[in-house]
C-alpha atoms as a PDB file:
ATOM      1  CA  MET A   1      63.593  57.378  98.662  1.00  0.00           C
ATOM      2  CA  LYS A   2      60.561  56.289 100.830  1.00  0.00           C
ATOM      3  CA  THR A   3      60.572  53.961 103.629  1.00  0.00           C
ATOM      4  CA  ILE A   4      56.821  52.612 104.101  1.00  0.00           C
ATOM      5  CA  ALA A   5      55.946  50.812 107.478  1.00  0.00           C
ATOM      6  CA  PHE A   6      52.939  48.678 108.145  1.00  0.00           C
ATOM      7  CA  PRO A   7      52.108  47.238 111.705  1.00  0.00           C
ATOM      8  CA  PHE A   8      52.584  43.574 111.219  1.00  0.00           C
ATOM      9  CA  LYS A   9      50.992  40.623 113.776  1.00  0.00           C
ATOM     10  CA  GLU A  10      50.343  36.875 113.206  1.00  0.00           C
ATOM     11  CA  ASN A  11      51.839  37.046 109.437  1.00  0.00           C
ATOM     12  CA  LYS A  12      49.382  39.775 108.288  1.00  0.00           C
ATOM     13  CA  LEU A  13      48.333  43.818 108.839  1.00  0.00           C
ATOM     14  CA  SER A  14      47.887  44.037 112.428  1.00  0.00           C
ATOM     15  CA  LEU A  15      44.437  45.665 113.309  1.00  0.00           C
ATOM     16  CA  HIS A  16      45.830  47.823 115.863  1.00  0.00           C
ATOM     17  CA  PHE A  17      48.997  49.798 115.496  1.00  0.00           C
ATOM     18  CA  GLY A  18      50.130  49.584 119.189  1.00  0.00           C
ATOM     19  CA  LEU A  19      49.604  45.773 119.403  1.00  0.00           C
ATOM     20  CA  SER A  20      51.869  44.845 116.689  1.00  0.00           C
ATOM     21  CA  SER A  21      54.447  42.484 117.120  1.00  0.00           C
ATOM     22  CA  HIS A  22      56.338  43.213 114.304  1.00  0.00           C
ATOM     23  CA  PHE A  23      56.709  46.275 111.660  1.00  0.00           C
ATOM     24  CA  LYS A  24      57.141  45.163 107.873  1.00  0.00           C
ATOM     25  CA  PHE A  25      59.321  47.882 106.328  1.00  0.00           C
ATOM     26  CA  TYR A  26      59.276  48.498 102.435  1.00  0.00           C
ATOM     27  CA  PHE A  27      62.066  50.361 100.760  1.00  0.00           C
ATOM     28  CA  GLU A  28      61.225  52.195  97.467  1.00  0.00           C
ATOM     29  CA  LYS A  29      63.118  54.295  94.972  1.00  0.00           C
ATOM     30  CA  ASN A  30      61.452  55.371  91.567  1.00  0.00           C
ATOM     31  CA  GLY A  31      58.509  53.464  91.688  1.00  0.00           C
ATOM     32  CA  LYS A  32      60.603  49.944  92.661  1.00  0.00           C
ATOM     33  CA  ILE A  33      60.500  48.085  95.886  1.00  0.00           C
ATOM     34  CA  LEU A  34      64.567  47.754  96.601  1.00  0.00           C
ATOM     35  CA  LYS A  35      64.097  45.467  99.822  1.00  0.00           C
ATOM     36  CA  THR A  36      61.829  44.813 102.836  1.00  0.00           C
ATOM     37  CA  GLU A  37      62.637  44.021 106.473  1.00  0.00           C
ATOM     38  CA  LEU A  38      60.349  42.524 109.075  1.00  0.00           C
ATOM     39  CA  LEU A  39      61.718  43.819 112.409  1.00  0.00           C
ATOM     40  CA  PRO A  40      60.189  43.222 116.018  1.00  0.00           C
ATOM     41  CA  VAL A  41      58.719  46.249 118.027  1.00  0.00           C
ATOM     42  CA  PRO A  42      61.076  46.834 120.455  1.00  0.00           C
ATOM     43  CA  ALA A  43      58.516  47.700 123.232  1.00  0.00           C
ATOM     44  CA  GLN A  44      54.728  47.096 123.206  1.00  0.00           C
ATOM     45  CA  GLN A  45      54.276  50.558 124.162  1.00  0.00           C
ATOM     46  CA  PRO A  46      52.319  52.924 121.586  1.00  0.00           C
ATOM     47  CA  ASP A  47      54.102  55.802 122.816  1.00  0.00           C
ATOM     48  CA  LEU A  48      57.312  54.419 122.105  1.00  0.00           C
ATOM     49  CA  ILE A  49      56.743  52.961 118.356  1.00  0.00           C
ATOM     50  CA  PRO A  50      56.186  56.132 116.781  1.00  0.00           C
ATOM     51  CA  ASN A  51      59.737  57.192 117.935  1.00  0.00           C
ATOM     52  CA  TRP A  52      61.182  54.001 116.801  1.00  0.00           C
ATOM     53  CA  LEU A  53      59.846  54.539 113.502  1.00  0.00           C
ATOM     54  CA  ILE A  54      60.980  57.945 113.281  1.00  0.00           C
ATOM     55  CA  ASP A  55      64.381  56.929 114.131  1.00  0.00           C
ATOM     56  CA  LYS A  56      63.950  54.240 111.519  1.00  0.00           C
ATOM     57  CA  GLY A  57      63.469  56.938 108.768  1.00  0.00           C
ATOM     58  CA  VAL A  58      59.754  55.768 107.855  1.00  0.00           C
ATOM     59  CA  THR A  59      58.291  58.120 105.316  1.00  0.00           C
ATOM     60  CA  ASP A  60      54.740  56.545 105.329  1.00  0.00           C
ATOM     61  CA  LEU A  61      52.925  54.416 107.645  1.00  0.00           C
ATOM     62  CA  VAL A  62      49.954  52.498 106.674  1.00  0.00           C
ATOM     63  CA  ALA A  63      47.550  50.938 109.211  1.00  0.00           C
ATOM     64  CA  ALA A  64      44.349  49.717 109.899  1.00  0.00           C
ATOM     65  CA  GLY A  65      43.841  51.105 113.325  1.00  0.00           C
ATOM     66  CA  ILE A  66      45.930  53.736 115.214  1.00  0.00           C
ATOM     67  CA  GLY A  67      45.203  56.337 118.032  1.00  0.00           C
ATOM     68  CA  LEU A  68      45.229  59.737 117.507  1.00  0.00           C
ATOM     69  CA  LYS A  69      48.517  60.489 119.652  1.00  0.00           C
ATOM     70  CA  PRO A  70      50.855  58.546 117.655  1.00  0.00           C
ATOM     71  CA  ILE A  71      49.314  59.923 114.382  1.00  0.00           C
ATOM     72  CA  GLU A  72      49.935  63.805 115.668  1.00  0.00           C
ATOM     73  CA  ILE A  73      53.447  62.423 116.915  1.00  0.00           C
ATOM     74  CA  LEU A  74      54.243  60.883 113.094  1.00  0.00           C
ATOM     75  CA  ASN A  75      52.745  64.015 111.561  1.00  0.00           C
ATOM     76  CA  GLN A  76      54.967  66.316 113.570  1.00  0.00           C
ATOM     77  CA  HIS A  77      57.790  64.658 111.638  1.00  0.00           C
ATOM     78  CA  LYS A  78      56.376  64.915 108.314  1.00  0.00           C
ATOM     79  CA  ILE A  79      55.259  61.130 108.357  1.00  0.00           C
ATOM     80  CA  ASN A  80      52.354  60.350 105.909  1.00  0.00           C
ATOM     81  CA  VAL A  81      49.853  58.491 107.880  1.00  0.00           C
ATOM     82  CA  PHE A  82      47.410  56.139 105.868  1.00  0.00           C
ATOM     83  CA  VAL A  83      44.615  54.735 108.163  1.00  0.00           C
ATOM     84  CA  GLY A  84      41.391  52.420 107.668  1.00  0.00           C
ATOM     85  CA  VAL A  85      43.081  50.288 105.020  1.00  0.00           C
ATOM     86  CA  LYS A  86      41.484  46.866 104.214  1.00  0.00           C
ATOM     87  CA  MET A  87      42.913  43.872 105.376  1.00  0.00           C
ATOM     88  CA  LYS A  88      44.925  42.867 102.258  1.00  0.00           C
ATOM     89  CA  ASP A  89      48.175  41.165 101.359  1.00  0.00           C
ATOM     90  CA  LEU A  90      50.895  43.716 102.135  1.00  0.00           C
ATOM     91  CA  ASN A  91      52.579  43.813  98.773  1.00  0.00           C
ATOM     92  CA  GLU A  92      49.198  44.628  97.357  1.00  0.00           C
ATOM     93  CA  LEU A  93      48.599  47.610 100.114  1.00  0.00           C
ATOM     94  CA  VAL A  94      52.188  49.106  98.996  1.00  0.00           C
ATOM     95  CA  ARG A  95      51.638  48.822  95.227  1.00  0.00           C
ATOM     96  CA  GLU A  96      48.211  50.655  95.785  1.00  0.00           C
ATOM     97  CA  LEU A  97      49.882  53.408  97.930  1.00  0.00           C
ATOM     98  CA  LEU A  98      52.814  53.767  95.063  1.00  0.00           C
ATOM     99  CA  ASP A  99      50.219  54.167  92.331  1.00  0.00           C
ATOM    100  CA  GLY A 100      47.681  56.189  94.370  1.00  0.00           C
ATOM    101  CA  THR A 101      45.039  53.751  94.481  1.00  0.00           C
ATOM    102  CA  LEU A 102      45.175  52.870  98.185  1.00  0.00           C
ATOM    103  CA  GLU A 103      41.473  53.274 100.019  1.00  0.00           C
ATOM    104  CA  THR A 104      41.294  54.280 103.414  1.00  0.00           C
ATOM    105  CA  ASN A 105      37.946  54.223 105.369  1.00  0.00           C
ATOM    106  CA  GLY A 106      39.066  56.304 108.401  1.00  0.00           C
ATOM    107  CA  ASN A 107      40.385  55.075 111.604  1.00  0.00           C
ATOM    108  CA  LEU A 108      39.595  51.589 113.148  1.00  0.00           C
ATOM    109  CA  CYS A 109      40.570  52.822 116.517  1.00  0.00           C
ATOM    110  CA  ASP A 110      38.518  54.384 118.761  1.00  0.00           C
ATOM    111  CA  HIS A 111      41.162  56.432 120.971  1.00  0.00           C
END
């Protein structure tokens, strides 16, 4: 089973990982979304968010922008990080990820 996380702010994909108010989680098995969950970020500190996602069992993170340090932490725990995605509906982004058509344009965050 995959647990896919998206940084979320003001009812859409957050432009910056560390400034997200929530994360939306999609739980997938055999190509089907079993459920979704929207959870508030426990602390607005970028260094704490990766560990929270690790504790949540995240397998994939899809973001517009994210710093290099969180990417390194997530990668060390075998979490796939997809950055530079276009601002689209999250349901569309998760479908693109699952069918292998998700487009990334590099990191939109400069640190």
